[in-house]
Amino acid sequence: MSLYLSGLWRYPVKSCQPQSLDHAWVESRGLEGDRRYLVTDLDGQFITARSFPRLVQLQAKPVADGLHLAAAGQPDLHLRVADFPQQYRPITIWKQQLDARHCGEQVDAWLTRFLGHPCQLLYFDEQTQRPIKDQPDQQVSFADAYPLLLTSTASLDWLQQHCPIPIQMQQFRPNLVISGADAWAEDGWQRVRVGDITFAVHSPCERCKLITLPPGSETFDTRQEPLRTLIRHHASATGKPLFGHNLIPLNEGRLQTGMPVEVW
């Protein structure tokens, strides 16, 4: 069976609700519009669903002039980048310090009401710089460490066969989902080509408790699944649970679901 791109996902605000796409543009920092916004506390420390699981219920949609936000119990909010103040605030994400553009007091108040915690929203614009830690000549946006994450439907199916609870691909928050390969075949890939775009397969992705948050829930699974199953069956030499692989794009271009995939 031939390999093909079966899924495309982006997360306009880091840790927000996944947005399924049928096509997307790949930039050097990842998918266009992916993780270009970040919630932080008032000291600039980044906030994710690991500590505020309600964040995964935030619906964020990039639009031509900015971002549209929606959440239960809140009026919809439309943000225009042109209205953002020319103010850059220091933030910290995984011990990296950088400056990002403040999106304004209105959205800060909106998010504070939604999360029940004082916070602010920052934007990764053209002036913001964040080098990949071990690839300092390349940039990443507000993703954890690398521009894109690839997963495989066969590996998910294998994991589901060994996991005592139902799991979904959304829990692993991928950007690219590949179908047609054998389970865990991606562990041996060094390059992936989809259409005209080539990606370097950088490293396996170490997983955390965020994958134990079922879609639509604000409560982590009490059995810590599927994290425990991964630790038993697919972990690093040091016992770190692994699922998916970090990608670095080597060129830019357009992706569409259904495209054939080449690997080597």
Protein backbone atom coordinates (compact mmCIF):
# COMPACT_ATOMS: atom_id res chain seq x y z
CA MET A 1 0.00 0.00 0.00
CA SER A 2 1.32 3.44 -0.92
CA LEU A 3 1.96 6.06 1.73
CA TYR A 4 -0.17 9.21 1.65
CA LEU A 5 -0.94 12.29 3.72
CA SER A 6 -4.20 11.48 5.50
CA GLY A 7 -4.37 14.36 7.98
CA LEU A 8 -3.31 17.98 8.42
CA TRP A 9 -3.74 19.78 11.74
CA ARG A 10 -2.78 23.13 13.16
CA TYR A 11 -3.15 24.89 16.51
CA PRO A 12 -3.31 28.66 15.96
CA VAL A 13 -2.93 29.35 19.71
CA LYS A 14 -0.57 26.97 21.47
CA SER A 15 -2.62 24.28 23.29
CA CYS A 16 -5.91 25.37 21.69
CA GLN A 17 -8.48 23.10 20.05
CA PRO A 18 -7.05 21.33 16.97
CA GLN A 19 -8.07 22.68 13.57
CA SER A 20 -8.34 20.07 10.81
CA LEU A 21 -7.30 21.24 7.34
CA ASP A 22 -7.51 19.80 3.85
CA HIS A 23 -4.61 21.96 2.63
CA ALA A 24 -1.92 24.14 4.18
CA TRP A 25 1.16 26.16 3.27
CA VAL A 26 4.44 25.06 4.82
CA GLU A 27 6.77 27.85 5.94
CA SER A 28 10.24 27.51 7.44
CA ARG A 29 8.70 27.74 10.94
CA GLY A 30 5.99 25.17 10.25
CA LEU A 31 2.45 25.30 8.89
CA GLU A 32 1.20 28.78 8.13
CA GLY A 33 -0.84 29.97 11.11
CA ASP A 34 0.30 27.17 13.41
CA ARG A 35 1.14 28.19 16.98
CA ARG A 36 1.67 31.83 16.09
CA TYR A 37 -0.13 32.89 19.29
CA LEU A 38 0.77 32.03 22.87
CA VAL A 39 -0.93 32.48 26.24
CA THR A 40 1.37 33.44 29.11
CA ASP A 41 0.93 34.51 32.69
CA LEU A 42 1.56 38.15 33.56
CA ASP A 43 5.24 37.37 34.19
CA GLY A 44 5.63 36.07 30.64
CA GLN A 45 5.85 32.36 31.54
CA PHE A 46 4.11 30.31 28.86
CA ILE A 47 0.84 28.55 29.68
CA THR A 48 -0.32 25.28 28.12
CA ALA A 49 -3.07 22.73 28.63
CA ARG A 50 -0.69 20.73 30.81
CA SER A 51 -1.54 23.11 33.64
CA PHE A 52 -4.77 24.64 32.26
CA PRO A 53 -6.55 21.81 30.40
CA ARG A 54 -9.49 24.07 29.60
CA LEU A 55 -7.24 25.71 27.04
CA VAL A 56 -7.89 22.81 24.61
CA GLN A 57 -11.53 24.00 24.41
CA LEU A 58 -10.45 27.35 22.96
CA GLN A 59 -11.44 27.63 19.30
CA ALA A 60 -9.01 29.77 17.31
CA LYS A 61 -9.24 30.41 13.57
CA PRO A 62 -6.74 32.50 11.60
CA VAL A 63 -8.47 34.94 9.25
CA ALA A 64 -7.13 37.35 6.65
CA ASP A 65 -6.63 40.25 9.06
CA GLY A 66 -5.97 38.39 12.32
CA LEU A 67 -7.59 35.77 14.52
CA HIS A 68 -11.11 34.75 15.52
CA LEU A 69 -11.62 33.31 19.02
CA ALA A 70 -14.60 31.42 20.41
CA ALA A 71 -15.20 29.56 23.67
CA ALA A 72 -18.17 28.32 25.68
CA GLY A 73 -19.64 31.03 27.88
CA GLN A 74 -17.74 33.79 26.08
CA PRO A 75 -18.77 36.16 23.28
CA ASP A 76 -16.80 35.56 20.09
CA LEU A 77 -13.81 37.86 19.71
CA HIS A 78 -12.23 39.05 16.48
CA LEU A 79 -8.62 40.25 16.67
CA ARG A 80 -7.02 42.42 13.98
CA VAL A 81 -3.23 42.34 13.84
CA ALA A 82 -3.29 45.97 12.71
CA ASP A 83 -4.86 46.87 16.07
CA PHE A 84 -2.18 45.16 18.17
CA PRO A 85 -0.08 47.67 20.10
CA GLN A 86 3.49 48.16 18.94
CA GLN A 87 4.62 46.64 22.20
CA TYR A 88 6.88 43.62 22.60
CA ARG A 89 6.96 41.79 25.91
CA PRO A 90 9.57 39.37 27.24
CA ILE A 91 8.33 35.81 27.50
CA THR A 92 9.81 32.43 28.43
CA ILE A 93 8.99 29.19 26.68
CA TRP A 94 10.87 26.04 27.73
CA LYS A 95 13.61 28.21 29.27
CA GLN A 96 14.06 30.13 26.01
CA GLN A 97 13.64 33.86 26.39
CA LEU A 98 12.33 36.01 23.55
CA ASP A 99 10.18 39.03 22.84
CA ALA A 100 6.73 38.69 21.28
CA ARG A 101 4.09 41.24 20.32
CA HIS A 102 1.32 41.91 22.82
CA CYS A 103 -2.16 41.45 21.36
CA GLY A 104 -3.91 43.99 23.58
CA GLU A 105 -5.79 44.36 26.84
CA GLN A 106 -9.16 43.32 25.40
CA VAL A 107 -8.09 39.77 24.56
CA ASP A 108 -6.15 39.52 27.83
CA ALA A 109 -9.36 40.21 29.76
CA TRP A 110 -11.28 37.75 27.55
CA LEU A 111 -8.78 34.93 28.13
CA THR A 112 -8.52 35.72 31.85
CA ARG A 113 -12.29 35.23 32.19
CA PHE A 114 -12.15 32.02 30.16
CA LEU A 115 -9.25 30.42 32.06
CA GLY A 116 -10.02 31.94 35.45
CA HIS A 117 -6.39 33.03 35.74
CA PRO A 118 -4.65 36.33 34.90
CA CYS A 119 -2.99 35.94 31.52
CA GLN A 120 -2.05 37.65 28.27
CA LEU A 121 -1.90 36.77 24.57
CA LEU A 122 1.28 37.23 22.53
CA TYR A 123 1.80 37.11 18.75
CA PHE A 124 4.78 35.72 16.86
CA ASP A 125 5.26 38.37 14.17
CA GLU A 126 8.09 39.00 11.72
CA GLN A 127 10.22 40.71 14.36
CA THR A 128 10.03 37.83 16.80
CA GLN A 129 12.96 35.43 16.69
CA ARG A 130 13.23 31.96 18.24
CA PRO A 131 16.03 29.71 16.97
CA ILE A 132 15.70 25.95 17.20
CA LYS A 133 17.90 25.03 20.16
CA ASP A 134 20.13 22.56 18.36
CA GLN A 135 19.71 24.15 14.91
CA PRO A 136 20.42 27.83 15.64
CA ASP A 137 20.38 28.82 11.97
CA GLN A 138 16.69 27.83 11.75
CA GLN A 139 13.60 29.21 13.45
CA VAL A 140 10.58 27.75 15.21
CA SER A 141 7.42 29.55 16.36
CA PHE A 142 5.65 28.71 19.66
CA ALA A 143 5.71 24.94 19.11
CA ASP A 144 7.44 23.04 21.89
CA ALA A 145 10.77 22.67 20.07
CA TYR A 146 10.49 21.94 16.34
CA PRO A 147 8.40 23.28 13.45
CA LEU A 148 6.22 20.23 12.76
CA LEU A 149 5.17 16.88 14.21
CA LEU A 150 4.45 13.77 12.14
CA THR A 151 2.43 10.76 13.29
CA SER A 152 1.23 7.53 11.68
CA THR A 153 -2.24 5.99 11.70
CA ALA A 154 -0.75 2.47 11.82
CA SER A 155 1.20 3.33 14.96
CA LEU A 156 -1.95 4.73 16.56
CA ASP A 157 -3.84 1.56 15.64
CA TRP A 158 -1.06 -0.56 17.19
CA LEU A 159 -1.14 1.53 20.35
CA GLN A 160 -4.93 1.26 20.56
CA GLN A 161 -4.69 -2.53 20.43
CA HIS A 162 -2.53 -2.45 23.55
CA CYS A 163 -4.24 0.41 25.40
CA PRO A 164 -7.17 -0.27 27.76
CA ILE A 165 -9.04 2.94 26.87
CA PRO A 166 -10.15 4.48 23.55
CA ILE A 167 -7.64 6.97 22.14
CA GLN A 168 -7.73 9.43 19.25
CA MET A 169 -5.03 10.99 17.10
CA GLN A 170 -6.03 14.45 18.36
CA GLN A 171 -4.54 13.62 21.75
CA PHE A 172 -1.06 13.57 20.17
CA ARG A 173 -1.50 16.97 18.47
CA PRO A 174 0.25 16.19 15.17
CA ASN A 175 0.60 18.44 12.14
CA LEU A 176 1.04 15.73 9.50
CA VAL A 177 -0.59 12.30 9.69
CA ILE A 178 0.69 9.56 7.37
CA SER A 179 -1.27 6.47 6.38
CA GLY A 180 -0.19 3.36 4.51
CA ALA A 181 2.97 2.57 6.48
CA ASP A 182 3.56 -0.26 8.92
CA ALA A 183 3.32 0.53 12.63
CA TRP A 184 6.42 2.33 13.89
CA ALA A 185 7.99 2.40 10.41
CA GLU A 186 8.54 6.13 10.93
CA ASP A 187 11.23 5.28 13.50
CA GLY A 188 13.54 4.45 10.60
CA TRP A 189 12.80 7.44 8.36
CA GLN A 190 15.38 10.19 7.80
CA ARG A 191 13.57 12.20 5.12
CA VAL A 192 9.92 12.58 4.18
CA ARG A 193 8.72 14.13 0.93
CA VAL A 194 5.12 15.22 0.42
CA GLY A 195 4.48 16.79 -2.97
CA ASP A 196 7.37 19.16 -3.60
CA ILE A 197 8.27 19.58 0.07
CA THR A 198 11.03 17.65 1.80
CA PHE A 199 11.25 17.35 5.58
CA ALA A 200 14.18 16.24 7.70
CA VAL A 201 13.09 13.78 10.38
CA HIS A 202 14.88 15.26 13.37
CA SER A 203 13.97 13.15 16.41
CA PRO A 204 11.23 11.11 18.09
CA CYS A 205 8.78 13.12 20.18
CA GLU A 206 8.85 12.51 23.92
CA ARG A 207 5.32 12.58 25.28
CA CYS A 208 3.89 14.05 28.48
CA LYS A 209 0.61 13.93 30.40
CA LEU A 210 -1.12 16.08 27.78
CA ILE A 211 -1.82 12.96 25.72
CA THR A 212 -3.93 11.65 28.63
CA LEU A 213 -6.49 14.43 28.05
CA PRO A 214 -9.35 12.97 25.98
CA PRO A 215 -10.80 15.21 23.24
CA GLY A 216 -13.62 17.36 24.62
CA SER A 217 -12.57 16.77 28.23
CA GLU A 218 -10.97 19.06 30.80
CA THR A 219 -9.94 16.14 33.02
CA PHE A 220 -6.83 14.01 32.54
CA ASP A 221 -7.33 10.25 32.46
CA THR A 222 -6.91 8.92 35.99
CA ARG A 223 -5.12 5.80 34.70
CA GLN A 224 -2.59 8.00 32.87
CA GLU A 225 -3.38 6.36 29.56
CA PRO A 226 -2.14 6.11 26.88
CA LEU A 227 1.06 7.37 28.51
CA ARG A 228 1.54 4.21 30.56
CA THR A 229 1.04 1.98 27.51
CA LEU A 230 3.65 3.96 25.60
CA ILE A 231 6.12 3.61 28.47
CA ARG A 232 5.65 -0.17 28.39
CA HIS A 233 5.78 -0.64 24.63
CA HIS A 234 7.42 2.28 22.84
CA ALA A 235 9.94 4.20 24.90
CA SER A 236 13.49 5.47 24.59
CA ALA A 237 16.49 3.75 26.16
CA THR A 238 15.98 6.00 29.18
CA GLY A 239 12.29 5.14 29.49
CA LYS A 240 10.80 8.25 27.84
CA PRO A 241 7.48 7.48 26.09
CA LEU A 242 7.68 8.20 22.37
CA PHE A 243 5.01 8.83 19.74
CA GLY A 244 5.51 10.76 16.52
CA HIS A 245 8.57 12.47 15.08
CA ASN A 246 9.72 16.07 14.92
CA LEU A 247 10.19 17.48 11.43
CA ILE A 248 12.14 20.39 10.02
CA PRO A 249 11.02 21.58 6.55
CA LEU A 250 13.83 21.94 4.04
CA ASN A 251 11.76 24.10 1.66
CA GLU A 252 8.38 25.79 1.50
CA GLY A 253 5.27 24.79 -0.43
CA ARG A 254 1.68 23.63 -0.38
CA LEU A 255 0.35 20.45 1.21
CA GLN A 256 -2.98 18.80 0.60
CA THR A 257 -4.48 15.70 2.16
CA GLY A 258 -4.31 12.72 -0.15
CA MET A 259 -0.88 13.63 -1.50
CA PRO A 260 1.53 10.71 -1.96
CA VAL A 261 4.40 10.44 0.52
CA GLU A 262 7.93 9.25 -0.12
CA VAL A 263 10.31 8.26 2.69
CA TRP A 264 13.95 7.23 2.96
